[in-house]
Each structure stands twice: as structure tokens, then as C-alpha cells.
Amino acid sequence: MKYYATCGAVAAAAIALLVAGAWWICRPASPDAFYSSNTSTYDPGTLIGAEAFFRTLPENARALRILYASSHSNGTPALASALIVYKPDTGPDSRGIVAWAHGTTGIERGCAPSLMRNPFANVPVFPALLDEGWIFVAADYIGLGTAGPHAYLKGEEAARAVFDAVRAAHQIPELRIPGPTVIWGHSQGGNTALWAGIIHPAYAPEIDLRGVAALAPASDLQGLFDASAGSMFGKIVSAYVLSAAASESAVTLPQHRSGLTEWLASDIASRCVGDWGTLLSAGESLLLPADGILPKPGIGADMRNYLSRNTPTQAVTTKLLVAQGLADDLVLPSVQQAYVSARRAAGQELDYRTYEGLDHISLVAPNSTLGDDLIRWTRERFAEP
């Protein structure tokens, strides 16, 4: 018996070491000094720094990592970072900007796409858009890379960072940018893209915005929260939303969750999506209640107000494309259809396209049937007078 007890203790210790090692390996990256500066002396959109970037680039592409000034939704100064990718052998006449608003990567500073091993994950038709001669400008958002907190799913703040990245790109002489911009966004970034279409006239009227393509956007935040809170990725997203909302003094979260649920939600929120950390978060999500981190009756008025404030229900003032995979189990097609119907009833003109058999991620995969439609739609926007 003593032998078996010893073996059991050794096995338990080994498992504990493996779990601790996995937790350590899955921590977010540490931003380097490039992501820090003084924001008080710069207007939003001012280019502060730029340097060459080389990781996972398509053939014959060049890239820059940039730091620029932006602003929080309350107007206070902020820093943001972005990646700019382009093909140097294309003529200036073809050089429109595709401004990319990325999907959920996390809420910690190290979860910025520009810091991750694959910074272009889930960017649809990425090499093809560069072959068109378009310049790819991908904001990390405020608080990812730069000092936080990151205001997760606060679309207006992320939209400001997208516009300010475009402004900064115009200050790089070698890009020779002649004019128009189209914004693409997926998931969280789809919410950002919708907000960009809303705030454009007031925040960045000098930018020639030709269109917004929102791909499986987190459009109806309350509907998203209610419908997917019990799914694996829904629990991860809920951990981010709750952590971001709790950072606002106006939001008070209910206290009836168990201590284990509280700890797991906090631990998930400290980790990124899109790297090895996703696997650990997915495993932890299995230990959370089946109906999610915070059951529907316990969401509370503060949280519902937070979700309502950040749902893009105002008019988008440019051409709008909304794309949705019909096999999506995170942003449910029924929720998206209800949002689209409500916006159309309010007078919003939009092009709504659905894709049979595609889920939340396969919608933006390299072989997605969305790709050709997105390229064609963007060409049409840039060709408009």
C-alpha cells in the first residue's frame, strides 16, 4: 500500500507540475519598449514611431510596426499600435487602404496581434488583398500592446483606434496613399467596424471611407451574451466582457457566483485567444457552470446597460456589408438576422450575405467562399467616384 501511495503522490505532483508549466507557458507576451510613449503632446492620429516588421509575411510583402496617438471614448489621450503591410511594386493608383479590425484576442497587453506568433490569423484573403495593391492597416486597439486596460467590446473606442491608424499611415511617405479606405472587421472587430461607420462623420470626416464590411459581427451584444453564454467560446468571451465591464466604476457585477467560478473567470481573462493559451482556457471553461459564468437572471441592470451602450444601433453612413456563416455557434445566425431586420426597419441600407456550412472561424478561413465576394465588393467600393 505504501508503494501505491508513493506512486500516487508522485503522479499527483507530476500532474501539478505539468499544469503549472502549461499555465506559465500560456501567459501573454510582454510588450517591449516600442509600445510606450508620452501621449499628452500628440493629437489623435499622430505617428509617433515606426519600424520594420518581418514575422509571417506573405512573399514580397513589406511591413511596419507603428505607434501612434489615439483617444479613449471619453476623449482622453491614449496610445495605440498597428501593423501596416503592403506590396512595394504596386502603383500608387491602386493603393487604397483596407483597415482591419481584428476579432477577439484577449484583454491583456500581450494579446495584441502584433505581439502574437501569427499576427494575421483570421484575416480573410490576406495575400490576395495585398496582390490587389491595397495597403493593409491593422490596429491592435488601445490597451493591447500599449498600456491598458483594453475596453473590450467598447466599439467606439476601438473604432477611434482604427481611424487613427489610418491617419498615421498617411504620414508615411513611402506608402504614397492616394485616398480611399474600406474597413473590414470580424467578430469583435465586426462590432468595431459597425461603430466606425457610425462615428466616421464626427470623428474622422477627412478620411474617404467608402465602405464597412462587418463579418460575423458582435452586433447585438445582449443577444450574443444570452445565446452563447454556455458554449466554450461563449464562456471565454463572457470572462473578457465581465472583466472589462468591472473595470468601469459604473458597472457593479452580482456577487452570487461561486469562488471557483470567480477564479476561473479571472484566470481565463488573463490569457489570450489565438495561441496555446486557448487550449488551457478551453479546458478551464469545462469546469464552469453549464449555463455560463453568469446566468441570465443574474446579469443585472448595470451589465445590461453596458451591453446596450456598446451595441451599434445608430446609422452607418457609408456602404455596409454584413456577412454571416449559417453554422456559427458563437454569433448565432438567428441573432444576426434579428439585428439586420431591426436595422433595416430603422432605415439602414445594407447588403446582408449568408454562407451555408460556415461557422465563426471558417467564415474567414483562406478557403472560405466569402473571400471572392469580399474582394469583389471592395473593388467596387474603391472604383466609386
Protein backbone atom coordinates (compact mmCIF):
# COMPACT_ATOMS: atom_id res chain seq x y z
CA MET A 1 0.00 0.00 0.00
CA LYS A 2 2.87 2.34 0.82
CA TYR A 3 4.28 1.78 -2.68
CA TYR A 4 0.97 2.68 -4.34
CA ALA A 5 0.52 5.74 -2.11
CA THR A 6 4.01 6.92 -3.04
CA CYS A 7 3.29 6.38 -6.76
CA GLY A 8 0.02 8.28 -6.39
CA ALA A 9 1.77 11.20 -4.72
CA VAL A 10 4.45 11.28 -7.41
CA ALA A 11 1.81 11.17 -10.15
CA ALA A 12 -0.16 13.97 -8.49
CA ALA A 13 2.99 16.07 -8.16
CA ALA A 14 3.87 15.44 -11.80
CA ILE A 15 0.39 16.48 -12.93
CA ALA A 16 0.60 19.62 -10.78
CA LEU A 17 3.96 20.48 -12.36
CA LEU A 18 2.56 19.94 -15.85
CA VAL A 19 -0.43 22.18 -15.12
CA ALA A 20 1.81 24.86 -13.61
CA GLY A 21 4.15 24.61 -16.59
CA ALA A 22 1.25 24.92 -19.05
CA TRP A 23 -0.09 27.92 -17.15
CA TRP A 24 3.36 29.56 -17.27
CA ILE A 25 3.88 28.88 -20.98
CA CYS A 26 0.40 30.22 -21.82
CA ARG A 27 0.96 33.65 -20.30
CA PRO A 28 0.60 36.61 -22.71
CA ALA A 29 3.72 38.08 -24.29
CA SER A 30 5.46 41.01 -22.63
CA PRO A 31 5.34 44.20 -24.73
CA ASP A 32 8.72 45.78 -25.41
CA ALA A 33 9.65 49.44 -25.09
CA PHE A 34 8.28 50.24 -28.57
CA TYR A 35 4.74 50.28 -27.14
CA SER A 36 5.39 53.08 -24.62
CA SER A 37 5.50 56.86 -25.03
CA ASN A 38 4.06 60.09 -23.64
CA THR A 39 0.59 60.70 -25.10
CA SER A 40 -0.12 64.18 -23.75
CA THR A 41 1.60 66.15 -26.53
CA TYR A 42 0.11 64.44 -29.59
CA ASP A 43 -3.15 64.89 -31.46
CA PRO A 44 -5.09 61.69 -32.30
CA GLY A 45 -3.69 60.07 -35.41
CA THR A 46 -0.15 61.42 -34.98
CA LEU A 47 2.53 58.92 -35.99
CA ILE A 48 4.95 58.55 -33.08
CA GLY A 49 7.18 55.67 -34.14
CA ALA A 50 7.67 53.13 -36.93
CA GLU A 51 10.00 50.20 -37.52
CA ALA A 52 10.29 47.29 -39.93
CA PHE A 53 8.29 44.15 -39.13
CA PHE A 54 9.10 40.71 -40.59
CA ARG A 55 7.08 37.98 -38.85
CA THR A 56 4.95 35.63 -41.05
CA LEU A 57 4.72 37.99 -44.00
CA PRO A 58 3.48 36.85 -47.43
CA GLU A 59 6.05 36.65 -50.21
CA ASN A 60 7.32 40.02 -51.49
CA ALA A 61 5.42 41.95 -48.83
CA ARG A 62 6.85 44.61 -46.57
CA ALA A 63 5.55 45.64 -43.18
CA LEU A 64 5.90 48.25 -40.49
CA ARG A 65 5.00 48.23 -36.83
CA ILE A 66 3.77 51.68 -35.84
CA LEU A 67 2.96 53.54 -32.64
CA TYR A 68 0.51 56.43 -32.80
CA ALA A 69 -1.70 58.67 -30.72
CA SER A 70 -5.39 57.92 -30.30
CA SER A 71 -8.09 58.73 -27.75
CA HIS A 72 -10.44 56.97 -25.39
CA SER A 73 -14.18 57.27 -25.97
CA ASN A 74 -14.26 60.00 -23.29
CA GLY A 75 -11.70 62.00 -25.25
CA THR A 76 -8.65 61.46 -23.03
CA PRO A 77 -5.35 60.77 -24.83
CA ALA A 78 -4.22 57.20 -25.46
CA LEU A 79 -1.55 55.26 -27.32
CA ALA A 80 -2.20 52.54 -29.85
CA SER A 81 -0.14 50.32 -32.13
CA ALA A 82 -0.77 48.79 -35.53
CA LEU A 83 0.77 46.81 -38.36
CA ILE A 84 0.95 48.11 -41.93
CA VAL A 85 1.58 45.60 -44.72
CA TYR A 86 1.93 46.32 -48.45
CA LYS A 87 3.48 45.20 -51.71
CA PRO A 88 6.10 47.77 -52.77
CA ASP A 89 5.85 47.02 -56.50
CA THR A 90 2.23 48.19 -56.96
CA GLY A 91 1.48 51.61 -58.39
CA PRO A 92 0.07 54.43 -56.28
CA ASP A 93 -3.20 54.48 -58.25
CA SER A 94 -4.21 51.13 -56.72
CA ARG A 95 -3.28 51.97 -53.16
CA GLY A 96 -6.49 52.10 -51.23
CA ILE A 97 -6.40 51.14 -47.57
CA VAL A 98 -8.08 48.08 -46.14
CA ALA A 99 -8.28 48.87 -42.43
CA TRP A 100 -8.62 45.62 -40.50
CA ALA A 101 -10.47 45.42 -37.16
CA HIS A 102 -9.44 42.12 -35.58
CA GLY A 103 -11.58 39.66 -33.66
CA THR A 104 -11.16 38.70 -30.03
CA THR A 105 -7.56 38.06 -28.96
CA GLY A 106 -7.84 38.86 -25.26
CA ILE A 107 -7.79 41.88 -22.97
CA GLU A 108 -4.21 41.80 -21.64
CA ARG A 109 -1.48 43.99 -23.18
CA GLY A 110 0.38 40.95 -24.51
CA CYS A 111 -2.67 39.87 -26.55
CA ALA A 112 -2.04 42.47 -29.26
CA PRO A 113 -1.95 40.75 -32.68
CA SER A 114 1.36 42.50 -33.43
CA LEU A 115 2.88 40.59 -30.48
CA MET A 116 1.42 37.18 -31.28
CA ARG A 117 3.13 34.41 -33.24
CA ASN A 118 0.61 34.67 -36.07
CA PRO A 119 -0.41 38.32 -36.22
CA PHE A 120 -2.55 37.78 -39.34
CA ALA A 121 -4.67 34.91 -38.04
CA ASN A 122 -8.27 35.00 -39.29
CA VAL A 123 -7.62 37.81 -41.77
CA PRO A 124 -9.64 36.75 -44.83
CA VAL A 125 -7.91 36.61 -48.25
CA PHE A 126 -4.82 38.23 -46.75
CA PRO A 127 -2.32 37.63 -49.55
CA ALA A 128 -4.99 38.34 -52.18
CA LEU A 129 -5.79 41.80 -50.81
CA LEU A 130 -2.09 42.70 -51.00
CA ASP A 131 -1.96 41.42 -54.59
CA GLU A 132 -4.74 43.90 -55.37
CA GLY A 133 -2.29 46.65 -54.43
CA TRP A 134 -4.19 47.59 -51.29
CA ILE A 135 -2.44 48.67 -48.11
CA PHE A 136 -3.38 46.63 -45.03
CA VAL A 137 -3.60 48.66 -41.81
CA ALA A 138 -4.35 46.57 -38.71
CA ALA A 139 -4.85 48.37 -35.39
CA ASP A 140 -4.14 46.42 -32.20
CA TYR A 141 -6.68 48.66 -30.33
CA ILE A 142 -5.96 50.73 -27.24
CA GLY A 143 -4.74 48.63 -24.32
CA LEU A 144 -3.42 45.78 -26.46
CA GLY A 145 0.32 46.23 -26.76
CA THR A 146 0.05 49.71 -25.27
CA ALA A 147 -0.95 50.47 -21.68
CA GLY A 148 -4.43 49.30 -20.71
CA PRO A 149 -6.97 48.47 -19.72
CA HIS A 150 -8.38 47.31 -23.04
CA ALA A 151 -12.03 48.35 -23.31
CA TYR A 152 -13.30 45.04 -24.68
CA LEU A 153 -16.35 45.36 -26.96
CA LYS A 154 -16.48 49.12 -26.46
CA GLY A 155 -16.77 49.63 -30.18
CA GLU A 156 -16.46 53.40 -30.33
CA GLU A 157 -13.07 53.34 -28.60
CA ALA A 158 -11.75 50.61 -30.90
CA ALA A 159 -13.14 52.45 -33.93
CA ARG A 160 -11.17 55.55 -32.93
CA ALA A 161 -8.00 53.45 -32.87
CA VAL A 162 -8.80 52.14 -36.38
CA PHE A 163 -9.29 55.63 -37.81
CA ASP A 164 -6.19 56.96 -36.06
CA ALA A 165 -4.11 54.10 -37.51
CA VAL A 166 -5.29 55.16 -40.98
CA ARG A 167 -4.36 58.76 -40.21
CA ALA A 168 -0.90 57.63 -39.08
CA ALA A 169 -0.43 55.53 -42.24
CA HIS A 170 -0.98 58.63 -44.36
CA GLN A 171 2.09 60.16 -42.69
CA ILE A 172 4.47 57.50 -44.08
CA PRO A 173 5.84 58.92 -47.36
CA GLU A 174 6.88 55.58 -48.88
CA LEU A 175 3.28 54.34 -48.93
CA ARG A 176 2.10 57.05 -51.35
CA ILE A 177 -1.54 56.65 -50.36
CA PRO A 178 -3.85 58.49 -52.77
CA GLY A 179 -7.11 58.25 -50.94
CA PRO A 180 -9.93 55.87 -50.07
CA THR A 181 -10.39 53.47 -47.17
CA VAL A 182 -12.57 50.42 -46.64
CA ILE A 183 -12.89 48.84 -43.19
CA TRP A 184 -13.16 45.08 -42.68
CA GLY A 185 -13.86 43.64 -39.24
CA HIS A 186 -14.57 40.18 -37.84
CA SER A 187 -16.41 39.26 -34.62
CA GLN A 188 -15.30 41.83 -32.01
CA GLY A 189 -13.82 43.67 -34.98
CA GLY A 190 -17.16 43.46 -36.76
CA ASN A 191 -18.62 45.41 -33.86
CA THR A 192 -15.71 47.85 -34.23
CA ALA A 193 -16.33 48.19 -37.97
CA LEU A 194 -20.01 48.99 -37.41
CA TRP A 195 -19.06 51.62 -34.84
CA ALA A 196 -16.53 53.08 -37.28
CA GLY A 197 -19.32 53.55 -39.81
CA ILE A 198 -21.34 55.32 -37.11
CA ILE A 199 -18.70 57.73 -35.77
CA HIS A 200 -16.95 58.49 -39.08
CA PRO A 201 -18.66 61.83 -39.85
CA ALA A 202 -17.92 63.25 -36.41
CA TYR A 203 -14.55 61.67 -35.61
CA ALA A 204 -12.68 61.34 -38.92
CA PRO A 205 -14.55 63.20 -41.69
CA GLU A 206 -11.33 63.81 -43.61
CA ILE A 207 -10.90 60.07 -44.26
CA ASP A 208 -12.52 58.99 -47.53
CA LEU A 209 -14.41 56.00 -46.14
CA ARG A 210 -16.02 54.02 -48.96
CA GLY A 211 -17.49 51.08 -47.06
CA VAL A 212 -17.66 48.86 -43.98
CA ALA A 213 -17.65 45.05 -44.14
CA ALA A 214 -18.75 43.50 -40.83
CA LEU A 215 -18.05 39.75 -40.82
CA ALA A 216 -19.97 37.76 -38.19
CA PRO A 217 -20.06 40.95 -36.14
CA ALA A 218 -20.84 41.04 -32.45
CA SER A 219 -23.77 43.24 -33.34
CA ASP A 220 -26.44 42.59 -30.70
CA LEU A 221 -24.33 42.24 -27.56
CA GLN A 222 -27.18 41.28 -25.27
CA GLY A 223 -28.38 38.68 -27.78
CA LEU A 224 -24.83 37.32 -28.11
CA PHE A 225 -24.43 37.13 -24.34
CA ASP A 226 -27.78 35.39 -23.82
CA ALA A 227 -27.49 32.92 -26.71
CA SER A 228 -23.90 31.72 -26.37
CA ALA A 229 -23.03 32.16 -22.69
CA GLY A 230 -22.97 28.38 -22.11
CA SER A 231 -20.73 27.46 -25.04
CA MET A 232 -16.97 27.00 -24.67
CA PHE A 233 -16.02 30.16 -26.52
CA GLY A 234 -19.03 31.97 -25.10
CA LYS A 235 -17.64 31.42 -21.61
CA ILE A 236 -14.25 32.80 -22.67
CA VAL A 237 -15.87 35.86 -24.25
CA SER A 238 -18.03 36.32 -21.13
CA ALA A 239 -14.90 36.32 -18.97
CA TYR A 240 -13.47 39.14 -21.08
CA VAL A 241 -16.74 41.12 -21.11
CA LEU A 242 -17.21 40.81 -17.35
CA SER A 243 -13.63 41.78 -16.61
CA ALA A 244 -13.80 44.79 -18.94
CA ALA A 245 -17.17 45.88 -17.56
CA ALA A 246 -15.98 45.54 -13.96
CA SER A 247 -13.15 48.00 -14.72
CA GLU A 248 -15.81 50.69 -15.17
CA SER A 249 -16.86 52.23 -11.87
CA ALA A 250 -20.45 52.48 -13.13
CA VAL A 251 -20.77 48.70 -13.53
CA THR A 252 -21.39 46.56 -10.44
CA LEU A 253 -21.44 42.83 -11.01
CA PRO A 254 -23.57 40.42 -8.93
CA GLN A 255 -21.71 38.58 -6.20
CA HIS A 256 -23.58 35.25 -6.21
CA ARG A 257 -21.05 33.34 -8.30
CA SER A 258 -19.00 30.66 -6.53
CA GLY A 259 -15.40 31.22 -5.58
CA LEU A 260 -14.22 28.66 -8.16
CA THR A 261 -16.25 30.33 -10.92
CA GLU A 262 -14.83 33.71 -9.94
CA TRP A 263 -11.26 32.40 -10.01
CA LEU A 264 -11.65 30.55 -13.31
CA ALA A 265 -13.25 33.57 -14.99
CA SER A 266 -10.42 35.79 -13.76
CA ASP A 267 -7.78 33.31 -14.92
CA ILE A 268 -9.36 32.96 -18.38
CA ALA A 269 -9.50 36.76 -18.68
CA SER A 270 -5.74 36.94 -18.02
CA ARG A 271 -4.95 34.82 -21.10
CA CYS A 272 -5.06 35.38 -24.87
CA VAL A 273 -7.11 33.70 -27.57
CA GLY A 274 -5.40 32.51 -30.72
CA ASP A 275 -2.31 30.96 -29.15
CA TRP A 276 -1.58 27.99 -26.87
CA GLY A 277 -3.49 29.76 -24.14
CA THR A 278 -6.73 29.00 -25.98
CA LEU A 279 -6.39 25.32 -25.12
CA LEU A 280 -5.92 26.00 -21.42
CA SER A 281 -8.86 28.42 -21.38
CA ALA A 282 -11.00 25.87 -23.22
CA GLY A 283 -10.13 23.27 -20.59
CA GLU A 284 -10.97 25.65 -17.74
CA SER A 285 -14.29 26.53 -19.41
CA LEU A 286 -15.37 22.91 -18.90
CA LEU A 287 -15.19 23.49 -15.14
CA LEU A 288 -17.53 26.47 -15.31
CA PRO A 289 -21.33 26.14 -14.88
CA ALA A 290 -23.12 24.71 -17.91
CA ASP A 291 -25.17 27.90 -18.37
CA GLY A 292 -22.11 30.15 -18.28
CA ILE A 293 -20.17 32.36 -15.92
CA LEU A 294 -23.17 34.50 -15.12
CA PRO A 295 -26.64 33.02 -15.66
CA LYS A 296 -29.20 35.21 -17.44
CA PRO A 297 -31.24 36.11 -14.32
CA GLY A 298 -28.08 37.31 -12.58
CA ILE A 299 -26.69 39.60 -15.27
CA GLY A 300 -28.09 42.68 -13.59
CA ALA A 301 -29.13 46.12 -14.80
CA ASP A 302 -25.60 47.56 -14.84
CA MET A 303 -24.31 44.82 -17.08
CA ARG A 304 -27.29 45.05 -19.40
CA ASN A 305 -26.76 48.80 -19.67
CA TYR A 306 -23.08 48.23 -20.50
CA LEU A 307 -24.03 45.83 -23.30
CA SER A 308 -26.77 48.14 -24.55
CA ARG A 309 -24.48 51.20 -24.66
CA ASN A 310 -21.97 49.33 -26.79
CA THR A 311 -24.45 47.83 -29.27
CA PRO A 312 -24.17 49.65 -32.65
CA THR A 313 -27.76 50.73 -33.30
CA GLN A 314 -27.11 54.14 -34.87
CA ALA A 315 -26.93 54.77 -38.61
CA VAL A 316 -23.86 53.63 -40.56
CA THR A 317 -23.21 56.45 -43.00
CA THR A 318 -21.39 54.50 -45.73
CA LYS A 319 -21.95 51.34 -47.79
CA LEU A 320 -22.42 48.42 -45.43
CA LEU A 321 -21.88 44.69 -45.93
CA VAL A 322 -22.79 42.20 -43.18
CA ALA A 323 -21.64 38.59 -43.69
CA GLN A 324 -22.73 35.65 -41.54
CA GLY A 325 -21.92 31.94 -41.50
CA LEU A 326 -25.05 29.86 -41.04
CA ALA A 327 -23.20 27.26 -38.92
CA ASP A 328 -21.86 29.87 -36.46
CA ASP A 329 -22.36 28.72 -32.86
CA LEU A 330 -20.97 31.87 -31.23
CA VAL A 331 -22.71 34.68 -33.12
CA LEU A 332 -25.89 32.80 -33.87
CA PRO A 333 -27.49 33.34 -37.32
CA SER A 334 -30.87 33.95 -35.66
CA VAL A 335 -29.38 36.75 -33.54
CA GLN A 336 -27.68 38.29 -36.58
CA GLN A 337 -30.86 38.08 -38.67
CA ALA A 338 -32.82 39.83 -35.92
CA TYR A 339 -30.21 42.60 -35.78
CA VAL A 340 -30.22 43.03 -39.56
CA SER A 341 -34.02 43.12 -39.67
CA ALA A 342 -34.11 45.75 -36.92
CA ARG A 343 -31.56 47.94 -38.67
CA ARG A 344 -33.40 47.69 -41.99
CA ALA A 345 -36.65 48.59 -40.25
CA ALA A 346 -34.86 51.67 -38.89
CA GLY A 347 -33.96 52.70 -42.45
CA GLN A 348 -30.39 51.37 -42.66
CA GLU A 349 -29.38 50.24 -46.16
CA LEU A 350 -27.15 47.17 -46.02
CA ASP A 351 -26.08 44.15 -48.03
CA TYR A 352 -26.63 41.01 -45.94
CA ARG A 353 -24.96 37.81 -47.18
CA THR A 354 -25.11 34.40 -45.56
CA TYR A 355 -22.82 31.41 -46.10
CA GLU A 356 -24.09 27.87 -45.76
CA GLY A 357 -21.95 25.49 -43.68
CA LEU A 358 -19.50 28.13 -42.40
CA ASP A 359 -19.02 28.77 -38.70
CA HIS A 360 -17.47 31.68 -36.83
CA ILE A 361 -13.88 30.94 -37.84
CA SER A 362 -14.32 29.12 -41.17
CA LEU A 363 -16.15 32.21 -42.47
CA VAL A 364 -12.77 33.99 -42.60
CA ALA A 365 -10.60 30.95 -43.41
CA PRO A 366 -8.40 31.02 -46.55
CA ASN A 367 -10.75 28.72 -48.48
CA SER A 368 -13.97 30.49 -47.44
CA THR A 369 -16.48 31.33 -50.15
CA LEU A 370 -16.67 34.76 -48.54
CA GLY A 371 -13.23 35.64 -49.91
CA ASP A 372 -14.11 36.28 -53.55
CA ASP A 373 -17.22 38.21 -52.54
CA LEU A 374 -15.20 40.41 -50.18
CA ILE A 375 -12.54 41.19 -52.79
CA ARG A 376 -15.17 41.97 -55.42
CA TRP A 377 -17.22 44.14 -53.05
CA THR A 378 -14.10 46.09 -52.00
CA ARG A 379 -13.02 46.64 -55.61
CA GLU A 380 -16.44 48.13 -56.29
CA ARG A 381 -16.11 50.48 -53.33
CA PHE A 382 -12.69 51.73 -54.44
CA ALA A 383 -13.93 52.18 -58.02
CA GLU A 384 -16.73 54.51 -56.97
CA PRO A 385 -16.19 58.22 -57.71
